[in-house]
């Protein structure tokens, strides 16, 4: 789980510089996870290492753990950076995170375990991605993608049953589309995003109806 180590210098965001932007994202994550010079990896480390790659990789890194089996509470922790990043993408700003989020860190061995699970799937996805329908992956369409990701990230933060996996998967697909300027993946991601919001709203409405029924039963 992410934490705020007060003295561990390896968790400071300024310890990691940008990596070679010709590398695939799966290769970048593997290099970061394999850096044995640090005990912990801060959110700010990832932000700085991927700065030139902008929003796609950053949103993918924070959304992907919610698709995979993770400890309870992970979505609320990783959802906060997603909310900030998606809002900045929608507004056309550069990626930035407040220090209270940027300094949160995870043990390198835990990050490496996550990367080991995620990179085989990510590598397969990278082989399918290619630049096409570029108008959907550049402004102003990119701002619409950011707005949708913002809505999905807010859903992730909320404690809604079944409100994690589908929205997170939609963000991952949209992030990959932005990363590789692949408009086809953006279309697929938007369709999944709309479907996931429909599922989540249905779950919320079902709980509301069940609560009202229980209340009426108690009141007689």
C-alpha atoms as a PDB file:
ATOM      1  CA  UNK A   1       0.000   0.000   0.000  1.00  0.00           C
ATOM      2  CA  UNK A   2       1.145   3.519  -0.683  1.00  0.00           C
ATOM      3  CA  UNK A   3       2.501   5.454   2.266  1.00  0.00           C
ATOM      4  CA  UNK A   4       4.367   8.619   3.254  1.00  0.00           C
ATOM      5  CA  UNK A   5       7.878   7.607   4.450  1.00  0.00           C
ATOM      6  CA  UNK A   6       9.365  10.697   6.133  1.00  0.00           C
ATOM      7  CA  UNK A   7      13.071  10.039   5.683  1.00  0.00           C
ATOM      8  CA  UNK A   8      13.512   7.508   2.870  1.00  0.00           C
ATOM      9  CA  UNK A   9      15.421   9.462   0.226  1.00  0.00           C
ATOM     10  CA  UNK A  10      14.756   6.796  -2.390  1.00  0.00           C
ATOM     11  CA  UNK A  11      11.084   7.737  -2.286  1.00  0.00           C
ATOM     12  CA  UNK A  12      11.674  11.414  -3.083  1.00  0.00           C
ATOM     13  CA  UNK A  13      10.260  12.406  -6.474  1.00  0.00           C
ATOM     14  CA  UNK A  14      13.436  14.132  -7.601  1.00  0.00           C
ATOM     15  CA  UNK A  15      15.482  10.950  -7.558  1.00  0.00           C
ATOM     16  CA  UNK A  16      14.257   9.661 -10.932  1.00  0.00           C
ATOM     17  CA  UNK A  17      14.919  11.379 -14.225  1.00  0.00           C
ATOM     18  CA  UNK A  18      13.086  10.980 -17.511  1.00  0.00           C
ATOM     19  CA  UNK A  19      13.755   7.700 -19.285  1.00  0.00           C
ATOM     20  CA  UNK A  20      14.416   7.133 -22.979  1.00  0.00           C
ATOM     21  CA  UNK A  21      11.155   8.040 -24.721  1.00  0.00           C
ATOM     22  CA  UNK A  22      11.839   5.501 -27.490  1.00  0.00           C
ATOM     23  CA  UNK A  23      11.215   2.659 -25.039  1.00  0.00           C
ATOM     24  CA  UNK A  24       7.870   0.912 -24.848  1.00  0.00           C
ATOM     25  CA  UNK A  25       5.902   1.595 -21.692  1.00  0.00           C
ATOM     26  CA  UNK A  26       6.281  -2.040 -20.627  1.00  0.00           C
ATOM     27  CA  UNK A  27      10.056  -1.619 -20.891  1.00  0.00           C
ATOM     28  CA  UNK A  28       9.996   1.630 -18.902  1.00  0.00           C
ATOM     29  CA  UNK A  29       8.011   0.006 -16.084  1.00  0.00           C
ATOM     30  CA  UNK A  30      10.353  -2.984 -16.044  1.00  0.00           C
ATOM     31  CA  UNK A  31      13.402  -0.688 -15.733  1.00  0.00           C
ATOM     32  CA  UNK A  32      11.845   1.273 -12.877  1.00  0.00           C
ATOM     33  CA  UNK A  33      10.838  -1.918 -11.072  1.00  0.00           C
ATOM     34  CA  UNK A  34      14.335  -3.336 -11.518  1.00  0.00           C
ATOM     35  CA  UNK A  35      16.135  -0.303 -10.058  1.00  0.00           C
ATOM     36  CA  UNK A  36      17.717  -1.902  -6.984  1.00  0.00           C
ATOM     37  CA  UNK A  37      19.218   1.430  -5.850  1.00  0.00           C
ATOM     38  CA  UNK A  38      15.878   2.391  -4.251  1.00  0.00           C
ATOM     39  CA  UNK A  39      13.755   0.663  -1.636  1.00  0.00           C
ATOM     40  CA  UNK A  40      10.582   2.556  -2.451  1.00  0.00           C
ATOM     41  CA  UNK A  41       9.094   4.130  -5.565  1.00  0.00           C
ATOM     42  CA  UNK A  42       7.117   7.334  -5.155  1.00  0.00           C
ATOM     43  CA  UNK A  43       4.223   8.469  -7.311  1.00  0.00           C
ATOM     44  CA  UNK A  44       6.364  11.473  -8.171  1.00  0.00           C
ATOM     45  CA  UNK A  45       9.114   9.152  -9.427  1.00  0.00           C
ATOM     46  CA  UNK A  46       6.720   7.770 -12.025  1.00  0.00           C
ATOM     47  CA  UNK A  47       5.544  11.250 -12.954  1.00  0.00           C
ATOM     48  CA  UNK A  48       9.098  12.465 -13.516  1.00  0.00           C
ATOM     49  CA  UNK A  49      10.281   9.340 -15.352  1.00  0.00           C
ATOM     50  CA  UNK A  50       7.376   9.561 -17.811  1.00  0.00           C
ATOM     51  CA  UNK A  51       7.078  13.343 -18.015  1.00  0.00           C
ATOM     52  CA  UNK A  52       7.727  13.540 -21.750  1.00  0.00           C
ATOM     53  CA  UNK A  53       5.281  10.720 -22.400  1.00  0.00           C
ATOM     54  CA  UNK A  54       2.549  12.829 -20.759  1.00  0.00           C
ATOM     55  CA  UNK A  55      -0.831  11.540 -19.734  1.00  0.00           C
ATOM     56  CA  UNK A  56      -1.295   8.157 -21.412  1.00  0.00           C
ATOM     57  CA  UNK A  57       1.324   6.180 -19.463  1.00  0.00           C
ATOM     58  CA  UNK A  58       0.599   7.971 -16.184  1.00  0.00           C
ATOM     59  CA  UNK A  59      -3.129   7.287 -16.277  1.00  0.00           C
ATOM     60  CA  UNK A  60      -2.474   3.693 -17.340  1.00  0.00           C
ATOM     61  CA  UNK A  61      -0.092   3.100 -14.431  1.00  0.00           C
ATOM     62  CA  UNK A  62      -2.626   4.393 -11.902  1.00  0.00           C
ATOM     63  CA  UNK A  63      -5.662   2.694 -13.482  1.00  0.00           C
ATOM     64  CA  UNK A  64      -4.216  -0.738 -14.262  1.00  0.00           C
ATOM     65  CA  UNK A  65      -3.897  -1.960 -10.634  1.00  0.00           C
ATOM     66  CA  UNK A  66      -7.672  -1.534 -10.307  1.00  0.00           C
ATOM     67  CA  UNK A  67      -8.184  -4.010 -13.153  1.00  0.00           C
ATOM     68  CA  UNK A  68      -5.964  -6.607 -11.492  1.00  0.00           C
ATOM     69  CA  UNK A  69      -6.639  -8.191  -8.063  1.00  0.00           C
ATOM     70  CA  UNK A  70      -5.388  -5.691  -5.469  1.00  0.00           C
ATOM     71  CA  UNK A  71      -5.813  -5.124  -1.705  1.00  0.00           C
ATOM     72  CA  UNK A  72      -9.002  -3.318  -0.561  1.00  0.00           C
ATOM     73  CA  UNK A  73      -8.673   0.462  -0.655  1.00  0.00           C
ATOM     74  CA  UNK A  74      -6.284   0.500  -3.617  1.00  0.00           C
ATOM     75  CA  UNK A  75      -8.826   2.215  -5.871  1.00  0.00           C
ATOM     76  CA  UNK A  76      -9.330   5.117  -3.456  1.00  0.00           C
ATOM     77  CA  UNK A  77      -5.542   5.661  -3.203  1.00  0.00           C
ATOM     78  CA  UNK A  78      -4.735   5.370  -6.908  1.00  0.00           C
ATOM     79  CA  UNK A  79      -7.931   7.139  -7.928  1.00  0.00           C
ATOM     80  CA  UNK A  80      -6.736  10.481  -6.553  1.00  0.00           C
ATOM     81  CA  UNK A  81      -3.835  10.873  -9.027  1.00  0.00           C
ATOM     82  CA  UNK A  82      -6.180   9.778 -11.806  1.00  0.00           C
ATOM     83  CA  UNK A  83      -8.664  12.526 -10.934  1.00  0.00           C
ATOM     84  CA  UNK A  84      -5.912  15.167 -11.081  1.00  0.00           C
ATOM     85  CA  UNK A  85      -4.376  13.844 -14.301  1.00  0.00           C
ATOM     86  CA  UNK A  86      -7.675  13.418 -16.126  1.00  0.00           C
ATOM     87  CA  UNK A  87      -8.787  16.924 -15.149  1.00  0.00           C
ATOM     88  CA  UNK A  88      -5.519  18.350 -16.494  1.00  0.00           C
ATOM     89  CA  UNK A  89      -5.879  16.380 -19.737  1.00  0.00           C
ATOM     90  CA  UNK A  90      -9.422  17.742 -20.152  1.00  0.00           C
ATOM     91  CA  UNK A  91      -8.139  21.282 -19.589  1.00  0.00           C
ATOM     92  CA  UNK A  92      -5.098  20.925 -21.859  1.00  0.00           C
ATOM     93  CA  UNK A  93      -2.585  21.349 -19.014  1.00  0.00           C
ATOM     94  CA  UNK A  94       0.755  19.647 -18.399  1.00  0.00           C
ATOM     95  CA  UNK A  95       0.695  16.656 -16.010  1.00  0.00           C
ATOM     96  CA  UNK A  96       1.262  17.707 -12.395  1.00  0.00           C
ATOM     97  CA  UNK A  97       0.444  16.237  -8.989  1.00  0.00           C
ATOM     98  CA  UNK A  98       0.328  18.010  -5.607  1.00  0.00           C
ATOM     99  CA  UNK A  99       3.156  17.041  -3.208  1.00  0.00           C
ATOM    100  CA  UNK A 100       0.769  15.198  -0.866  1.00  0.00           C
ATOM    101  CA  UNK A 101       0.093  12.753  -3.712  1.00  0.00           C
ATOM    102  CA  UNK A 102       3.499  12.864  -5.422  1.00  0.00           C
ATOM    103  CA  UNK A 103       5.285  11.802  -2.221  1.00  0.00           C
ATOM    104  CA  UNK A 104       3.179   8.716  -1.654  1.00  0.00           C
ATOM    105  CA  UNK A 105       5.314   5.651  -2.238  1.00  0.00           C
ATOM    106  CA  UNK A 106       5.188   1.898  -2.590  1.00  0.00           C
ATOM    107  CA  UNK A 107       7.833  -0.693  -1.753  1.00  0.00           C
ATOM    108  CA  UNK A 108       9.872  -1.476  -4.864  1.00  0.00           C
ATOM    109  CA  UNK A 109       9.310  -5.214  -4.436  1.00  0.00           C
ATOM    110  CA  UNK A 110       5.540  -4.678  -4.410  1.00  0.00           C
ATOM    111  CA  UNK A 111       5.795  -2.473  -7.493  1.00  0.00           C
ATOM    112  CA  UNK A 112       7.965  -5.112  -9.176  1.00  0.00           C
ATOM    113  CA  UNK A 113       5.357  -7.788  -8.395  1.00  0.00           C
ATOM    114  CA  UNK A 114       2.656  -5.639  -9.992  1.00  0.00           C
ATOM    115  CA  UNK A 115       4.829  -4.965 -13.051  1.00  0.00           C
ATOM    116  CA  UNK A 116       5.539  -8.685 -13.444  1.00  0.00           C
ATOM    117  CA  UNK A 117       1.788  -9.337 -13.615  1.00  0.00           C
ATOM    118  CA  UNK A 118       0.961  -6.378 -15.849  1.00  0.00           C
ATOM    119  CA  UNK A 119       3.744  -6.227 -18.438  1.00  0.00           C
ATOM    120  CA  UNK A 120       2.880  -9.442 -20.362  1.00  0.00           C
ATOM    121  CA  UNK A 121      -0.632  -8.099 -21.004  1.00  0.00           C
ATOM    122  CA  UNK A 122       0.692  -4.622 -21.701  1.00  0.00           C
ATOM    123  CA  UNK A 123       3.250  -5.942 -24.175  1.00  0.00           C
ATOM    124  CA  UNK A 124       0.489  -7.791 -26.069  1.00  0.00           C
ATOM    125  CA  UNK A 125      -1.585  -4.603 -26.216  1.00  0.00           C
ATOM    126  CA  UNK A 126       1.410  -2.585 -27.448  1.00  0.00           C
ATOM    127  CA  UNK A 127       1.778  -4.928 -30.440  1.00  0.00           C
ATOM    128  CA  UNK A 128      -1.808  -4.130 -31.476  1.00  0.00           C
ATOM    129  CA  UNK A 129      -1.501  -0.365 -31.151  1.00  0.00           C
ATOM    130  CA  UNK A 130      -0.547   1.898 -34.034  1.00  0.00           C
ATOM    131  CA  UNK A 131      -1.266   5.505 -35.074  1.00  0.00           C
ATOM    132  CA  UNK A 132      -4.638   5.707 -36.861  1.00  0.00           C
ATOM    133  CA  UNK A 133      -7.698   7.969 -36.824  1.00  0.00           C
ATOM    134  CA  UNK A 134      -5.338  10.514 -35.311  1.00  0.00           C
ATOM    135  CA  UNK A 135      -7.983  13.208 -34.993  1.00  0.00           C
ATOM    136  CA  UNK A 136      -9.499  11.279 -32.083  1.00  0.00           C
ATOM    137  CA  UNK A 137      -6.160  11.203 -30.240  1.00  0.00           C
ATOM    138  CA  UNK A 138      -5.251  14.889 -30.513  1.00  0.00           C
ATOM    139  CA  UNK A 139      -6.876  18.092 -29.217  1.00  0.00           C
ATOM    140  CA  UNK A 140      -9.710  18.978 -29.130  1.00  0.00           C
ATOM    141  CA  UNK A 141     -10.935  15.349 -29.118  1.00  0.00           C
ATOM    142  CA  UNK A 142      -8.251  14.561 -26.532  1.00  0.00           C
ATOM    143  CA  UNK A 143      -9.962  16.958 -24.120  1.00  0.00           C
ATOM    144  CA  UNK A 144     -13.195  14.964 -24.423  1.00  0.00           C
ATOM    145  CA  UNK A 145     -11.230  11.814 -23.577  1.00  0.00           C
ATOM    146  CA  UNK A 146      -9.828  13.616 -20.538  1.00  0.00           C
ATOM    147  CA  UNK A 147     -13.338  14.587 -19.415  1.00  0.00           C
ATOM    148  CA  UNK A 148     -14.552  11.001 -19.710  1.00  0.00           C
ATOM    149  CA  UNK A 149     -11.496   9.744 -17.796  1.00  0.00           C
ATOM    150  CA  UNK A 150     -12.206  12.338 -15.101  1.00  0.00           C
ATOM    151  CA  UNK A 151     -15.749  11.003 -14.646  1.00  0.00           C
ATOM    152  CA  UNK A 152     -14.449   7.422 -14.551  1.00  0.00           C
ATOM    153  CA  UNK A 153     -11.735   8.354 -12.027  1.00  0.00           C
ATOM    154  CA  UNK A 154     -14.331   9.935  -9.723  1.00  0.00           C
ATOM    155  CA  UNK A 155     -16.328   6.696  -9.906  1.00  0.00           C
ATOM    156  CA  UNK A 156     -13.171   4.764  -8.980  1.00  0.00           C
ATOM    157  CA  UNK A 157     -12.645   6.850  -5.862  1.00  0.00           C
ATOM    158  CA  UNK A 158     -16.215   6.325  -4.646  1.00  0.00           C
ATOM    159  CA  UNK A 159     -16.941   3.133  -2.624  1.00  0.00           C
ATOM    160  CA  UNK A 160     -19.350   1.687  -5.190  1.00  0.00           C
ATOM    161  CA  UNK A 161     -19.659  -2.113  -5.478  1.00  0.00           C
ATOM    162  CA  UNK A 162     -18.477  -3.272  -8.923  1.00  0.00           C
ATOM    163  CA  UNK A 163     -17.369   0.322  -9.518  1.00  0.00           C
ATOM    164  CA  UNK A 164     -13.677  -0.437  -9.999  1.00  0.00           C
ATOM    165  CA  UNK A 165     -12.832  -2.917 -12.710  1.00  0.00           C
ATOM    166  CA  UNK A 166     -14.871  -1.715 -15.708  1.00  0.00           C
ATOM    167  CA  UNK A 167     -14.141   2.037 -15.273  1.00  0.00           C
ATOM    168  CA  UNK A 168     -10.443   1.250 -14.696  1.00  0.00           C
ATOM    169  CA  UNK A 169     -10.327  -0.959 -17.790  1.00  0.00           C
ATOM    170  CA  UNK A 170     -11.945   1.819 -19.845  1.00  0.00           C
ATOM    171  CA  UNK A 171      -9.331   4.309 -18.584  1.00  0.00           C
ATOM    172  CA  UNK A 172      -6.542   1.848 -19.494  1.00  0.00           C
ATOM    173  CA  UNK A 173      -7.813   1.474 -23.058  1.00  0.00           C
ATOM    174  CA  UNK A 174      -8.268   5.236 -23.451  1.00  0.00           C
ATOM    175  CA  UNK A 175      -4.795   5.844 -22.001  1.00  0.00           C
ATOM    176  CA  UNK A 176      -3.228   3.409 -24.467  1.00  0.00           C
ATOM    177  CA  UNK A 177      -5.087   5.123 -27.290  1.00  0.00           C
ATOM    178  CA  UNK A 178      -3.715   8.499 -26.208  1.00  0.00           C
ATOM    179  CA  UNK A 179      -0.222   7.056 -25.750  1.00  0.00           C
ATOM    180  CA  UNK A 180       0.006   5.567 -29.254  1.00  0.00           C
ATOM    181  CA  UNK A 181      -2.369   8.060 -30.942  1.00  0.00           C
ATOM    182  CA  UNK A 182      -4.649   5.166 -31.860  1.00  0.00           C
ATOM    183  CA  UNK A 183      -8.166   6.457 -32.505  1.00  0.00           C
ATOM    184  CA  UNK A 184      -9.592   2.941 -32.820  1.00  0.00           C
ATOM    185  CA  UNK A 185      -8.638   2.164 -29.221  1.00  0.00           C
ATOM    186  CA  UNK A 186     -10.082   5.485 -28.133  1.00  0.00           C
ATOM    187  CA  UNK A 187     -13.401   4.570 -29.761  1.00  0.00           C
ATOM    188  CA  UNK A 188     -13.357   1.189 -28.019  1.00  0.00           C
ATOM    189  CA  UNK A 189     -12.444   2.856 -24.727  1.00  0.00           C
ATOM    190  CA  UNK A 190     -15.254   5.402 -25.015  1.00  0.00           C
ATOM    191  CA  UNK A 191     -17.773   2.645 -25.751  1.00  0.00           C
ATOM    192  CA  UNK A 192     -16.569   0.665 -22.734  1.00  0.00           C
ATOM    193  CA  UNK A 193     -16.623   3.820 -20.602  1.00  0.00           C
ATOM    194  CA  UNK A 194     -20.265   4.480 -21.456  1.00  0.00           C
ATOM    195  CA  UNK A 195     -21.140   0.831 -20.774  1.00  0.00           C
ATOM    196  CA  UNK A 196     -19.286   0.858 -17.442  1.00  0.00           C
ATOM    197  CA  UNK A 197     -21.068   4.020 -16.327  1.00  0.00           C
ATOM    198  CA  UNK A 198     -24.348   2.325 -17.218  1.00  0.00           C
ATOM    199  CA  UNK A 199     -23.438  -0.709 -15.108  1.00  0.00           C
ATOM    200  CA  UNK A 200     -22.328   1.422 -12.164  1.00  0.00           C
ATOM    201  CA  UNK A 201     -25.457   3.593 -12.282  1.00  0.00           C
ATOM    202  CA  UNK A 202     -27.553   0.411 -12.402  1.00  0.00           C
ATOM    203  CA  UNK A 203     -25.769  -0.926  -9.314  1.00  0.00           C
ATOM    204  CA  UNK A 204     -26.263   2.352  -7.464  1.00  0.00           C
ATOM    205  CA  UNK A 205     -29.956   2.470  -8.406  1.00  0.00           C
ATOM    206  CA  UNK A 206     -30.409  -1.144  -7.270  1.00  0.00           C
ATOM    207  CA  UNK A 207     -28.870  -0.319  -3.876  1.00  0.00           C
ATOM    208  CA  UNK A 208     -31.063   2.778  -3.573  1.00  0.00           C
ATOM    209  CA  UNK A 209     -34.188   0.731  -4.330  1.00  0.00           C
ATOM    210  CA  UNK A 210     -33.121  -1.965  -1.864  1.00  0.00           C
ATOM    211  CA  UNK A 211     -32.492   0.690   0.805  1.00  0.00           C
ATOM    212  CA  UNK A 212     -35.890   2.290   0.217  1.00  0.00           C
ATOM    213  CA  UNK A 213     -37.602  -1.100   0.355  1.00  0.00           C
ATOM    214  CA  UNK A 214     -35.833  -1.944   3.605  1.00  0.00           C
ATOM    215  CA  UNK A 215     -36.752   1.445   5.046  1.00  0.00           C
ATOM    216  CA  UNK A 216     -40.408   1.008   4.121  1.00  0.00           C
ATOM    217  CA  UNK A 217     -40.354  -2.468   5.657  1.00  0.00           C
ATOM    218  CA  UNK A 218     -38.906  -1.157   8.922  1.00  0.00           C
ATOM    219  CA  UNK A 219     -41.429   1.657   9.095  1.00  0.00           C
ATOM    220  CA  UNK A 220     -44.182  -0.754   8.561  1.00  0.00           C
END
